[in-house]
Amino acid sequence: MVEINNLTSYEINETEVKTIILEVFRLEKAKKEEISVAFVDRNKIKEINRKYRNIDAPTDVLTFVEEKEIIICPDEIDDLKRVLIHGTLHLLGYDHEKDQGEMIKKQEKYFSLI
């Protein structure tokens, strides 16, 4: 269900990554789907951000709903759990730029539960 591609030198706890994502799906009562999570370096996420969002800067996480993909830059994150919850909620259709804070409230609630 969750495929992990670590393209960085960071050590990633794959079991933890999968557990967090699956728990968000469970809490949301969402149908499990095939998801890809890629960990990339600062230059790669900057390139992707520029290409798809026209923002020429690195970011912590990008989510591509149609592709069911979460891309994370370990150099840009403070808390992997929070970023995974955030990306998974985007996959499930939430958009913090349009929902008057609903997604961020859920993110913080799930952060405390997981």
N, C-alpha and C. Protein backbone atom coordinates (compact mmCIF):
# COMPACT_ATOMS: atom_id res chain seq x y z
N MET A 1 0.82 -1.20 0.00
CA MET A 1 0.00 0.00 0.00
C MET A 1 0.86 1.26 0.00
N VAL A 2 1.93 1.31 0.79
CA VAL A 2 2.79 2.49 0.84
C VAL A 2 4.18 2.11 0.35
N GLU A 3 4.56 2.71 -0.76
CA GLU A 3 5.89 2.48 -1.32
C GLU A 3 6.78 3.66 -0.94
N ILE A 4 7.97 3.37 -0.44
CA ILE A 4 8.87 4.42 0.00
C ILE A 4 10.13 4.40 -0.85
N ASN A 5 10.48 5.58 -1.35
CA ASN A 5 11.70 5.74 -2.14
C ASN A 5 12.54 6.81 -1.47
N ASN A 6 13.62 6.40 -0.86
CA ASN A 6 14.50 7.34 -0.19
C ASN A 6 15.68 7.66 -1.10
N LEU A 7 15.67 8.85 -1.68
CA LEU A 7 16.71 9.28 -2.61
C LEU A 7 17.69 10.22 -1.93
N THR A 8 17.77 10.13 -0.60
CA THR A 8 18.66 10.99 0.18
C THR A 8 19.61 10.12 1.00
N SER A 9 20.51 10.77 1.70
CA SER A 9 21.41 10.05 2.59
C SER A 9 20.82 9.90 4.00
N TYR A 10 19.64 10.49 4.23
CA TYR A 10 18.99 10.38 5.53
C TYR A 10 18.49 8.96 5.75
N GLU A 11 18.58 8.51 6.99
CA GLU A 11 18.02 7.22 7.34
C GLU A 11 16.55 7.43 7.66
N ILE A 12 15.70 6.72 6.95
CA ILE A 12 14.25 6.86 7.11
C ILE A 12 13.71 5.58 7.73
N ASN A 13 12.90 5.74 8.78
CA ASN A 13 12.25 4.59 9.42
C ASN A 13 10.99 4.28 8.61
N GLU A 14 11.10 3.34 7.68
CA GLU A 14 9.99 3.03 6.77
C GLU A 14 8.76 2.53 7.51
N THR A 15 8.96 1.77 8.56
CA THR A 15 7.82 1.26 9.34
C THR A 15 7.04 2.43 9.94
N GLU A 16 7.75 3.40 10.50
CA GLU A 16 7.10 4.58 11.08
C GLU A 16 6.34 5.37 10.01
N VAL A 17 6.95 5.56 8.86
CA VAL A 17 6.30 6.30 7.77
C VAL A 17 4.99 5.61 7.37
N LYS A 18 5.06 4.31 7.16
CA LYS A 18 3.87 3.56 6.76
C LYS A 18 2.80 3.60 7.84
N THR A 19 3.20 3.45 9.09
CA THR A 19 2.25 3.45 10.20
C THR A 19 1.50 4.78 10.29
N ILE A 20 2.21 5.87 10.17
CA ILE A 20 1.58 7.20 10.26
C ILE A 20 0.57 7.39 9.13
N ILE A 21 0.95 7.06 7.92
CA ILE A 21 0.04 7.24 6.78
C ILE A 21 -1.19 6.35 6.93
N LEU A 22 -0.99 5.10 7.26
CA LEU A 22 -2.12 4.18 7.41
C LEU A 22 -3.04 4.60 8.55
N GLU A 23 -2.47 5.16 9.60
CA GLU A 23 -3.30 5.61 10.72
C GLU A 23 -4.17 6.80 10.30
N VAL A 24 -3.63 7.70 9.50
CA VAL A 24 -4.46 8.82 9.00
C VAL A 24 -5.61 8.27 8.16
N PHE A 25 -5.33 7.31 7.30
CA PHE A 25 -6.39 6.69 6.50
C PHE A 25 -7.45 6.07 7.41
N ARG A 26 -7.00 5.39 8.46
CA ARG A 26 -7.96 4.76 9.39
C ARG A 26 -8.80 5.81 10.09
N LEU A 27 -8.16 6.85 10.61
CA LEU A 27 -8.89 7.92 11.31
C LEU A 27 -9.88 8.62 10.39
N GLU A 28 -9.54 8.74 9.13
CA GLU A 28 -10.42 9.38 8.15
C GLU A 28 -11.46 8.41 7.58
N LYS A 29 -11.36 7.14 7.97
CA LYS A 29 -12.23 6.10 7.44
C LYS A 29 -12.18 6.09 5.91
N ALA A 30 -10.98 6.24 5.40
CA ALA A 30 -10.76 6.30 3.95
C ALA A 30 -10.33 4.93 3.43
N LYS A 31 -10.72 4.67 2.20
CA LYS A 31 -10.32 3.44 1.54
C LYS A 31 -8.81 3.47 1.31
N LYS A 32 -8.15 2.39 1.65
CA LYS A 32 -6.70 2.31 1.47
C LYS A 32 -6.37 2.30 -0.02
N GLU A 33 -5.30 3.00 -0.35
CA GLU A 33 -4.87 3.11 -1.73
C GLU A 33 -3.37 2.91 -1.81
N GLU A 34 -2.90 2.66 -3.02
CA GLU A 34 -1.46 2.60 -3.26
C GLU A 34 -0.90 4.03 -3.21
N ILE A 35 0.07 4.25 -2.37
CA ILE A 35 0.67 5.57 -2.19
C ILE A 35 2.18 5.45 -2.32
N SER A 36 2.76 6.47 -2.93
CA SER A 36 4.21 6.54 -3.03
C SER A 36 4.70 7.72 -2.20
N VAL A 37 5.74 7.48 -1.42
CA VAL A 37 6.37 8.54 -0.65
C VAL A 37 7.83 8.59 -1.08
N ALA A 38 8.25 9.76 -1.56
CA ALA A 38 9.64 9.93 -1.98
C ALA A 38 10.32 10.96 -1.10
N PHE A 39 11.52 10.64 -0.69
CA PHE A 39 12.35 11.57 0.07
C PHE A 39 13.44 12.05 -0.88
N VAL A 40 13.51 13.36 -1.06
CA VAL A 40 14.44 13.95 -2.02
C VAL A 40 15.26 15.07 -1.37
N ASP A 41 16.32 15.46 -2.04
CA ASP A 41 17.16 16.53 -1.50
C ASP A 41 16.59 17.91 -1.84
N ARG A 42 17.19 18.93 -1.28
CA ARG A 42 16.74 20.31 -1.42
C ARG A 42 16.69 20.75 -2.89
N ASN A 43 17.69 20.40 -3.67
CA ASN A 43 17.71 20.80 -5.08
C ASN A 43 16.57 20.17 -5.87
N LYS A 44 16.30 18.89 -5.60
CA LYS A 44 15.23 18.19 -6.33
C LYS A 44 13.86 18.75 -5.98
N ILE A 45 13.59 19.00 -4.71
CA ILE A 45 12.26 19.51 -4.36
C ILE A 45 12.09 20.94 -4.87
N LYS A 46 13.18 21.70 -4.91
CA LYS A 46 13.12 23.04 -5.49
C LYS A 46 12.76 22.96 -6.97
N GLU A 47 13.39 22.04 -7.68
CA GLU A 47 13.11 21.84 -9.11
C GLU A 47 11.64 21.45 -9.33
N ILE A 48 11.13 20.53 -8.52
CA ILE A 48 9.74 20.08 -8.64
C ILE A 48 8.78 21.22 -8.30
N ASN A 49 9.09 21.97 -7.24
CA ASN A 49 8.27 23.09 -6.82
C ASN A 49 8.19 24.15 -7.92
N ARG A 50 9.31 24.40 -8.56
CA ARG A 50 9.36 25.39 -9.65
C ARG A 50 8.53 24.90 -10.84
N LYS A 51 8.69 23.64 -11.18
CA LYS A 51 8.00 23.08 -12.34
C LYS A 51 6.48 23.04 -12.16
N TYR A 52 6.01 22.62 -11.00
CA TYR A 52 4.58 22.39 -10.81
C TYR A 52 3.83 23.50 -10.09
N ARG A 53 4.55 24.35 -9.33
CA ARG A 53 3.88 25.42 -8.59
C ARG A 53 4.42 26.80 -8.95
N ASN A 54 5.41 26.83 -9.84
CA ASN A 54 6.02 28.09 -10.26
C ASN A 54 6.61 28.86 -9.09
N ILE A 55 7.11 28.12 -8.10
CA ILE A 55 7.76 28.71 -6.94
C ILE A 55 9.21 28.23 -6.94
N ASP A 56 10.13 29.16 -7.10
CA ASP A 56 11.54 28.81 -7.24
C ASP A 56 12.23 28.77 -5.88
N ALA A 57 11.80 27.81 -5.05
CA ALA A 57 12.35 27.67 -3.71
C ALA A 57 12.07 26.25 -3.22
N PRO A 58 12.93 25.75 -2.35
CA PRO A 58 12.63 24.43 -1.76
C PRO A 58 11.45 24.54 -0.79
N THR A 59 10.82 23.42 -0.53
CA THR A 59 9.71 23.35 0.41
C THR A 59 9.82 22.04 1.19
N ASP A 60 9.00 21.89 2.20
CA ASP A 60 9.08 20.67 3.02
C ASP A 60 8.38 19.47 2.40
N VAL A 61 7.19 19.71 1.83
CA VAL A 61 6.40 18.60 1.31
C VAL A 61 5.57 19.07 0.12
N LEU A 62 5.47 18.20 -0.87
CA LEU A 62 4.59 18.41 -2.01
C LEU A 62 3.74 17.17 -2.14
N THR A 63 2.47 17.36 -2.46
CA THR A 63 1.56 16.24 -2.63
C THR A 63 0.93 16.32 -4.01
N PHE A 64 0.94 15.20 -4.69
CA PHE A 64 0.33 15.09 -6.00
C PHE A 64 -0.82 14.09 -5.89
N VAL A 65 -2.04 14.64 -5.81
CA VAL A 65 -3.22 13.83 -5.53
C VAL A 65 -3.47 12.80 -6.62
N GLU A 66 -3.46 13.21 -7.87
CA GLU A 66 -3.75 12.28 -8.97
C GLU A 66 -2.76 11.13 -9.00
N GLU A 67 -1.51 11.41 -8.70
CA GLU A 67 -0.47 10.39 -8.73
C GLU A 67 -0.37 9.63 -7.41
N LYS A 68 -1.11 10.09 -6.41
CA LYS A 68 -1.05 9.47 -5.07
C LYS A 68 0.37 9.46 -4.55
N GLU A 69 1.02 10.64 -4.64
CA GLU A 69 2.42 10.73 -4.27
C GLU A 69 2.68 11.89 -3.31
N ILE A 70 3.48 11.60 -2.30
CA ILE A 70 3.94 12.61 -1.36
C ILE A 70 5.46 12.70 -1.53
N ILE A 71 5.95 13.92 -1.70
CA ILE A 71 7.40 14.13 -1.85
C ILE A 71 7.85 14.99 -0.67
N ILE A 72 8.85 14.52 0.04
CA ILE A 72 9.32 15.18 1.26
C ILE A 72 10.81 15.48 1.14
N CYS A 73 11.18 16.67 1.60
CA CYS A 73 12.59 17.04 1.67
C CYS A 73 13.02 17.06 3.13
N PRO A 74 13.76 16.06 3.59
CA PRO A 74 14.18 16.01 4.99
C PRO A 74 14.95 17.26 5.44
N ASP A 75 15.66 17.91 4.53
CA ASP A 75 16.40 19.13 4.88
C ASP A 75 15.48 20.27 5.27
N GLU A 76 14.22 20.20 4.87
CA GLU A 76 13.29 21.31 5.07
C GLU A 76 12.25 21.07 6.16
N ILE A 77 12.32 19.92 6.83
CA ILE A 77 11.27 19.62 7.81
C ILE A 77 11.79 19.69 9.24
N ASP A 78 10.86 20.00 10.15
CA ASP A 78 11.15 19.97 11.58
C ASP A 78 10.64 18.68 12.20
N ASP A 79 9.49 18.19 11.70
CA ASP A 79 8.86 17.03 12.30
C ASP A 79 8.27 16.15 11.21
N LEU A 80 8.85 14.98 11.01
CA LEU A 80 8.41 14.09 9.94
C LEU A 80 6.96 13.67 10.13
N LYS A 81 6.54 13.38 11.34
CA LYS A 81 5.17 12.94 11.58
C LYS A 81 4.17 14.00 11.11
N ARG A 82 4.41 15.24 11.47
CA ARG A 82 3.49 16.32 11.09
C ARG A 82 3.42 16.46 9.56
N VAL A 83 4.57 16.38 8.91
CA VAL A 83 4.63 16.52 7.45
C VAL A 83 3.92 15.34 6.77
N LEU A 84 4.09 14.14 7.29
CA LEU A 84 3.39 12.98 6.73
C LEU A 84 1.89 13.10 6.88
N ILE A 85 1.44 13.54 8.05
CA ILE A 85 0.00 13.74 8.26
C ILE A 85 -0.51 14.79 7.29
N HIS A 86 0.22 15.89 7.16
CA HIS A 86 -0.15 16.98 6.26
C HIS A 86 -0.29 16.48 4.82
N GLY A 87 0.74 15.78 4.34
CA GLY A 87 0.71 15.27 2.96
C GLY A 87 -0.41 14.27 2.74
N THR A 88 -0.65 13.40 3.72
CA THR A 88 -1.72 12.41 3.60
C THR A 88 -3.09 13.07 3.57
N LEU A 89 -3.29 14.09 4.38
CA LEU A 89 -4.58 14.81 4.33
C LEU A 89 -4.79 15.47 2.97
N HIS A 90 -3.73 16.00 2.38
CA HIS A 90 -3.85 16.53 1.01
C HIS A 90 -4.29 15.42 0.05
N LEU A 91 -3.67 14.24 0.18
CA LEU A 91 -4.06 13.12 -0.69
C LEU A 91 -5.54 12.78 -0.55
N LEU A 92 -6.06 12.99 0.65
CA LEU A 92 -7.47 12.68 0.91
C LEU A 92 -8.40 13.83 0.56
N GLY A 93 -7.87 14.87 -0.07
CA GLY A 93 -8.73 15.93 -0.60
C GLY A 93 -8.78 17.21 0.20
N TYR A 94 -8.07 17.30 1.29
CA TYR A 94 -8.07 18.53 2.08
C TYR A 94 -7.15 19.56 1.45
N ASP A 95 -7.52 20.83 1.62
CA ASP A 95 -6.72 21.93 1.07
C ASP A 95 -6.75 23.09 2.06
N HIS A 96 -5.67 23.27 2.80
CA HIS A 96 -5.61 24.30 3.84
C HIS A 96 -5.67 25.71 3.28
N GLU A 97 -5.48 25.87 1.99
CA GLU A 97 -5.57 27.21 1.39
C GLU A 97 -7.01 27.60 1.10
N LYS A 98 -7.94 26.62 1.23
CA LYS A 98 -9.33 26.89 0.88
C LYS A 98 -10.34 26.52 1.97
N ASP A 99 -9.92 25.86 3.04
CA ASP A 99 -10.90 25.27 3.96
C ASP A 99 -11.04 25.96 5.32
N GLN A 100 -10.63 27.18 5.44
CA GLN A 100 -10.77 27.95 6.67
C GLN A 100 -10.21 27.23 7.90
N GLY A 101 -9.11 26.54 7.72
CA GLY A 101 -8.42 25.94 8.85
C GLY A 101 -8.81 24.52 9.21
N GLU A 102 -9.76 23.94 8.49
CA GLU A 102 -10.21 22.58 8.82
C GLU A 102 -9.08 21.56 8.73
N MET A 103 -8.29 21.65 7.67
CA MET A 103 -7.21 20.67 7.48
C MET A 103 -6.17 20.78 8.58
N ILE A 104 -5.78 21.98 8.93
CA ILE A 104 -4.75 22.16 9.96
C ILE A 104 -5.27 21.70 11.32
N LYS A 105 -6.54 21.92 11.60
CA LYS A 105 -7.13 21.42 12.86
C LYS A 105 -7.06 19.89 12.90
N LYS A 106 -7.42 19.25 11.79
CA LYS A 106 -7.34 17.79 11.73
C LYS A 106 -5.89 17.34 11.87
N GLN A 107 -5.00 18.02 11.19
CA GLN A 107 -3.58 17.68 11.25
C GLN A 107 -3.09 17.68 12.69
N GLU A 108 -3.42 18.71 13.43
CA GLU A 108 -2.95 18.81 14.82
C GLU A 108 -3.64 17.79 15.72
N LYS A 109 -4.91 17.52 15.45
CA LYS A 109 -5.63 16.49 16.22
C LYS A 109 -4.98 15.13 15.99
N TYR A 110 -4.73 14.79 14.73
CA TYR A 110 -4.13 13.51 14.41
C TYR A 110 -2.69 13.43 14.92
N PHE A 111 -2.00 14.55 14.90
CA PHE A 111 -0.64 14.58 15.43
C PHE A 111 -0.63 14.15 16.88
N SER A 112 -1.62 14.62 17.65
CA SER A 112 -1.66 14.26 19.07
C SER A 112 -2.15 12.81 19.28
N LEU A 113 -2.88 12.26 18.33
CA LEU A 113 -3.41 10.90 18.48
C LEU A 113 -2.45 9.81 18.01
N ILE A 114 -1.59 10.15 17.06
CA ILE A 114 -0.72 9.12 16.46
C ILE A 114 0.60 9.07 17.22
